[in-house]
Amino acid sequence: MLQDFNSNTVRLRVGFASSAQYKAFYFNSNAVRLRAFVESVTNINVTRFQFQHGTIERKPESEVNNVRKKFQFQHGAELIEVFLNTIQSASMVRFSHQKFENDTPVTYELEPYVVKEHRNRWYVIGLARNRQGIRCFGLDRILADSIEITSDRYEPSAFDADAYFSKALGIAVYDEPAQNVVISMTPMRGRYFRSQPFFPFNQEDILADDETEFKCRLHMIVNKELIYELARFANEMKVISPESLRTDLLQHLKESVAFQN
């Protein structure tokens, strides 16, 4: 079957042997890295690649192995195939995961659904049985020698990665619902924002667009990634609501100034 993958820069159609296989993939990447990653996967029956400029045939195995080596600069990339295999076989996997801020790793039992790339890091998303909810784990923080692919099989999920991540910036999807975030910015920043927004919005979400400001509403989950993005343009962009986000952004900026001093 053919399945579409869309990113900011490329529309890719990949031929898979079955509909179950493409569910393992969720990409937010450019064309070159997208092609290189898919070509590096040997256990998925990828049959052809179609970019806007034509069709690219799959490379011989010797060349594919060379492509795989290029991914080793990304921590955790060596585990991509491991989790793709568990997704394909619908195998429950057990592993230890250690957050950067914690000294002690935590063991999880996961029904893996999706492998996702974000900002040069790779993540696996699935149902954590011992947390009874969908969780996201950075592959670079999974202890490789702790991975155990069990004989326990799970029923493939109808998990929709697009829907799951659609209301959040980045990979931090919390249990809280999305809310309306209203931001105001200078007219110049507004022109940049309209041409390449960090989060999608509709025409009816534009609340002001004149010579004094550009103001819009974004319906999204508030997370740290949003705060970091807003801080990048704090001299040209401000939060109108919700007040809690405005408070968190101001606190982040205060701490940044204090650290620099």
Protein backbone atom coordinates (compact mmCIF):
# COMPACT_ATOMS: atom_id res chain seq x y z
CA MET A 1 0.00 0.00 0.00
CA LEU A 2 1.02 3.62 -0.39
CA GLN A 3 0.97 5.96 2.59
CA ASP A 4 1.55 9.70 2.63
CA PHE A 5 3.95 11.41 5.05
CA ASN A 6 3.88 15.19 5.21
CA SER A 7 6.43 17.59 6.68
CA ASN A 8 7.14 21.28 6.26
CA THR A 9 9.39 20.64 3.29
CA VAL A 10 8.42 17.38 1.61
CA ARG A 11 5.51 15.14 0.78
CA LEU A 12 6.63 11.54 0.70
CA ARG A 13 4.78 8.46 -0.47
CA VAL A 14 6.18 5.17 0.77
CA GLY A 15 5.11 1.72 -0.37
CA PHE A 16 4.68 -0.76 2.51
CA ALA A 17 3.80 -4.41 2.40
CA SER A 18 0.90 -3.93 4.80
CA SER A 19 -1.11 -1.19 6.46
CA ALA A 20 0.16 -2.26 9.89
CA GLN A 21 3.75 -1.37 9.07
CA TYR A 22 3.32 2.33 8.31
CA LYS A 23 1.75 2.96 11.73
CA ALA A 24 5.22 2.56 13.22
CA PHE A 25 6.37 5.78 11.61
CA TYR A 26 5.76 9.36 12.59
CA PHE A 27 8.08 11.95 11.09
CA ASN A 28 8.79 15.62 11.60
CA SER A 29 11.88 15.97 9.49
CA ASN A 30 13.25 17.28 6.23
CA ALA A 31 13.44 15.31 3.01
CA VAL A 32 17.08 14.25 3.22
CA ARG A 33 16.92 12.91 6.77
CA LEU A 34 13.54 11.34 6.14
CA ARG A 35 14.84 9.44 3.14
CA ALA A 36 18.06 8.45 4.91
CA PHE A 37 16.22 7.09 7.92
CA VAL A 38 13.71 5.04 5.95
CA GLU A 39 16.52 3.66 3.79
CA SER A 40 18.41 2.64 6.89
CA VAL A 41 15.59 0.38 8.08
CA THR A 42 16.13 -3.14 6.79
CA ASN A 43 13.28 -5.06 8.40
CA ILE A 44 10.50 -2.88 6.98
CA ASN A 45 9.53 -3.79 3.43
CA VAL A 46 9.92 -0.34 1.90
CA THR A 47 9.46 -0.69 -1.84
CA ARG A 48 9.85 2.81 -3.25
CA PHE A 49 10.19 6.48 -2.48
CA GLN A 50 8.38 9.21 -4.39
CA PHE A 51 9.44 12.81 -3.91
CA GLN A 52 8.18 15.75 -5.89
CA HIS A 53 11.11 15.41 -8.26
CA GLY A 54 10.71 11.72 -9.00
CA THR A 55 11.05 8.17 -7.78
CA ILE A 56 14.03 6.88 -5.78
CA GLU A 57 14.61 3.14 -5.79
CA ARG A 58 15.74 1.35 -2.65
CA LYS A 59 19.53 1.04 -2.36
CA PRO A 60 21.44 -2.26 -2.09
CA GLU A 61 21.94 -3.61 1.42
CA SER A 62 25.64 -2.65 1.47
CA GLU A 63 24.79 1.00 0.84
CA VAL A 64 21.92 0.89 3.33
CA ASN A 65 24.33 -0.19 6.06
CA ASN A 66 26.52 2.83 5.31
CA VAL A 67 23.49 5.09 5.73
CA ARG A 68 22.73 3.47 9.07
CA LYS A 69 26.19 4.38 10.36
CA LYS A 70 25.47 8.06 9.76
CA PHE A 71 22.70 7.94 12.36
CA GLN A 72 25.03 6.92 15.15
CA PHE A 73 25.79 10.56 15.96
CA GLN A 74 22.25 10.78 17.34
CA HIS A 75 22.12 9.27 20.81
CA GLY A 76 19.60 6.47 20.95
CA ALA A 77 19.49 6.01 17.17
CA GLU A 78 20.89 2.51 17.55
CA LEU A 79 17.61 1.52 19.27
CA ILE A 80 15.34 2.61 16.44
CA GLU A 81 15.28 -0.79 14.75
CA VAL A 82 14.74 -2.53 18.08
CA PHE A 83 11.53 -0.66 18.69
CA LEU A 84 10.37 -0.82 15.09
CA ASN A 85 10.68 -4.59 15.34
CA THR A 86 8.63 -4.69 18.54
CA ILE A 87 5.97 -2.52 16.90
CA GLN A 88 5.80 -4.81 13.90
CA SER A 89 5.49 -7.93 16.06
CA ALA A 90 3.20 -6.20 18.61
CA SER A 91 5.54 -7.34 21.39
CA MET A 92 5.48 -5.86 24.85
CA VAL A 93 8.94 -4.57 25.78
CA ARG A 94 10.45 -3.99 29.21
CA PHE A 95 13.25 -1.47 29.80
CA SER A 96 14.78 0.97 32.25
CA HIS A 97 14.55 4.68 31.49
CA GLN A 98 16.55 7.36 33.26
CA LYS A 99 15.54 10.99 33.04
CA PHE A 100 18.31 13.57 33.01
CA GLU A 101 17.05 15.04 36.27
CA ASN A 102 16.87 11.68 38.09
CA ASP A 103 19.72 9.62 39.51
CA THR A 104 17.78 6.36 39.51
CA PRO A 105 16.29 4.70 36.42
CA VAL A 106 12.67 3.51 36.37
CA THR A 107 11.52 0.27 34.77
CA TYR A 108 8.58 0.34 32.37
CA GLU A 109 6.50 -2.20 30.50
CA LEU A 110 5.51 -0.69 27.18
CA GLU A 111 3.22 -1.52 24.28
CA PRO A 112 5.13 0.51 21.66
CA TYR A 113 3.03 2.23 18.99
CA VAL A 114 5.16 4.89 17.32
CA VAL A 115 8.77 5.98 16.77
CA LYS A 116 9.07 9.74 16.42
CA GLU A 117 11.89 12.20 15.78
CA HIS A 118 11.93 15.69 17.29
CA ARG A 119 14.85 18.13 17.31
CA ASN A 120 17.41 15.44 16.44
CA ARG A 121 16.23 13.12 19.20
CA TRP A 122 14.28 9.91 18.77
CA TYR A 123 11.37 8.83 20.93
CA VAL A 124 9.13 5.80 21.32
CA ILE A 125 5.51 6.37 22.26
CA GLY A 126 3.15 3.73 23.56
CA LEU A 127 0.99 2.45 26.38
CA ALA A 128 2.98 2.12 29.60
CA ARG A 129 1.21 -0.68 31.42
CA ASN A 130 2.60 0.19 34.82
CA ARG A 131 1.48 3.83 34.33
CA GLN A 132 -1.83 3.00 32.62
CA GLY A 133 -1.46 5.71 30.04
CA ILE A 134 0.31 6.84 26.87
CA ARG A 135 3.89 7.84 27.58
CA CYS A 136 6.83 9.11 25.52
CA PHE A 137 10.41 7.95 26.11
CA GLY A 138 13.62 9.39 24.71
CA LEU A 139 15.64 6.56 23.18
CA ASP A 140 18.86 8.17 24.39
CA ARG A 141 17.68 7.76 27.98
CA ILE A 142 16.74 4.10 27.68
CA LEU A 143 19.43 1.82 29.09
CA ALA A 144 20.20 -0.43 26.13
CA ASP A 145 21.31 -3.41 28.21
CA SER A 146 18.02 -3.34 30.11
CA ILE A 147 15.79 -3.90 27.07
CA GLU A 148 13.81 -7.14 27.17
CA ILE A 149 11.51 -8.01 24.29
CA THR A 150 8.94 -10.26 25.88
CA SER A 151 6.78 -13.01 24.41
CA ASP A 152 3.72 -11.11 25.60
CA ARG A 153 1.77 -9.85 22.57
CA TYR A 154 -0.71 -6.99 22.58
CA GLU A 155 -3.59 -6.14 20.29
CA PRO A 156 -2.41 -3.52 17.77
CA SER A 157 -3.85 -0.17 18.75
CA ALA A 158 -5.75 2.32 16.64
CA PHE A 159 -3.49 4.97 18.18
CA ASP A 160 -3.47 8.06 15.95
CA ALA A 161 -0.12 9.86 16.26
CA ASP A 162 -1.30 12.85 14.25
CA ALA A 163 -4.28 13.40 16.54
CA TYR A 164 -2.24 12.77 19.70
CA PHE A 165 0.43 15.36 18.88
CA SER A 166 -1.79 17.84 17.04
CA LYS A 167 -2.51 19.99 20.08
CA ALA A 168 1.03 20.19 21.45
CA LEU A 169 4.30 21.76 20.44
CA GLY A 170 7.00 19.11 20.44
CA ILE A 171 6.61 15.75 22.15
CA ALA A 172 5.42 16.82 25.62
CA VAL A 173 1.73 15.93 25.54
CA TYR A 174 0.30 16.25 29.03
CA ASP A 175 -2.96 14.95 30.42
CA GLU A 176 -4.35 18.49 30.60
CA PRO A 177 -6.65 19.56 27.75
CA ALA A 178 -5.72 22.13 25.13
CA GLN A 179 -6.62 25.75 25.84
CA ASN A 180 -6.75 29.02 23.95
CA VAL A 181 -3.42 30.82 23.94
CA VAL A 182 -3.56 34.41 22.74
CA ILE A 183 -0.30 36.04 21.71
CA SER A 184 0.46 39.51 20.42
CA MET A 185 3.52 40.48 18.43
CA THR A 186 5.01 43.29 16.40
CA PRO A 187 3.78 43.63 12.80
CA MET A 188 7.18 42.48 11.49
CA ARG A 189 7.25 39.39 13.71
CA GLY A 190 3.67 38.79 12.68
CA ARG A 191 4.67 38.60 9.03
CA TYR A 192 7.30 35.99 9.86
CA PHE A 193 4.83 34.12 12.02
CA ARG A 194 2.19 34.01 9.31
CA SER A 195 4.68 32.64 6.79
CA GLN A 196 6.06 29.99 9.17
CA PRO A 197 4.06 29.63 12.41
CA PHE A 198 5.44 27.45 15.18
CA PHE A 199 1.88 26.14 15.61
CA PRO A 200 -0.95 26.02 13.04
CA PHE A 201 -3.91 28.37 13.19
CA ASN A 202 -6.89 29.30 11.04
CA GLN A 203 -7.86 32.61 9.51
CA GLU A 204 -10.59 33.08 12.11
CA ASP A 205 -7.95 32.83 14.84
CA ILE A 206 -6.39 36.12 13.73
CA LEU A 207 -7.68 38.70 16.23
CA ALA A 208 -5.73 41.73 15.01
CA ASP A 209 -3.54 42.49 12.02
CA ASP A 210 -2.70 46.14 11.52
CA GLU A 211 0.19 48.61 11.71
CA THR A 212 0.43 48.28 15.50
CA GLU A 213 0.25 44.53 16.17
CA PHE A 214 -0.48 41.03 14.98
CA LYS A 215 -2.58 39.06 17.45
CA CYS A 216 -3.79 35.50 17.12
CA ARG A 217 -5.29 32.63 19.07
CA LEU A 218 -3.71 29.18 19.22
CA HIS A 219 -5.69 26.24 20.61
CA MET A 220 -2.98 24.09 22.14
CA ILE A 221 -1.57 22.34 25.18
CA VAL A 222 0.64 24.55 27.32
CA ASN A 223 3.99 22.88 27.93
CA LYS A 224 7.63 23.81 28.45
CA GLU A 225 8.35 23.65 24.73
CA LEU A 226 5.83 26.45 24.21
CA ILE A 227 7.47 28.56 26.91
CA TYR A 228 10.90 28.06 25.33
CA GLU A 229 9.53 29.01 21.90
CA LEU A 230 7.88 32.17 23.22
CA ALA A 231 11.08 33.11 25.07
CA ARG A 232 12.98 33.09 21.76
CA PHE A 233 10.94 36.07 20.57
CA ALA A 234 10.22 37.75 23.90
CA ASN A 235 11.39 41.14 22.57
CA GLU A 236 8.76 40.99 19.82
CA MET A 237 6.05 38.69 21.16
CA LYS A 238 4.00 38.61 24.37
CA VAL A 239 1.36 36.43 25.95
CA ILE A 240 -2.08 37.94 26.48
CA SER A 241 -3.71 34.84 27.92
CA PRO A 242 -3.91 32.54 29.75
CA GLU A 243 -2.48 34.34 32.76
CA SER A 244 -0.79 31.18 34.04
CA LEU A 245 1.27 30.93 30.83
CA ARG A 246 2.16 34.61 31.05
CA THR A 247 3.36 34.09 34.63
CA ASP A 248 5.43 31.03 33.70
CA LEU A 249 7.04 32.85 30.75
CA LEU A 250 7.95 35.87 32.89
CA GLN A 251 9.46 33.57 35.53
CA HIS A 252 11.50 31.80 32.86
CA LEU A 253 12.79 35.13 31.53
CA LYS A 254 13.67 36.36 35.03
CA GLU A 255 15.64 33.21 35.70
CA SER A 256 17.41 33.57 32.35
CA VAL A 257 18.48 37.15 33.13
CA ALA A 258 19.60 36.18 36.63
CA PHE A 259 21.68 33.32 35.25
CA GLN A 260 23.37 35.60 32.71
CA ASN A 261 24.26 38.08 35.45
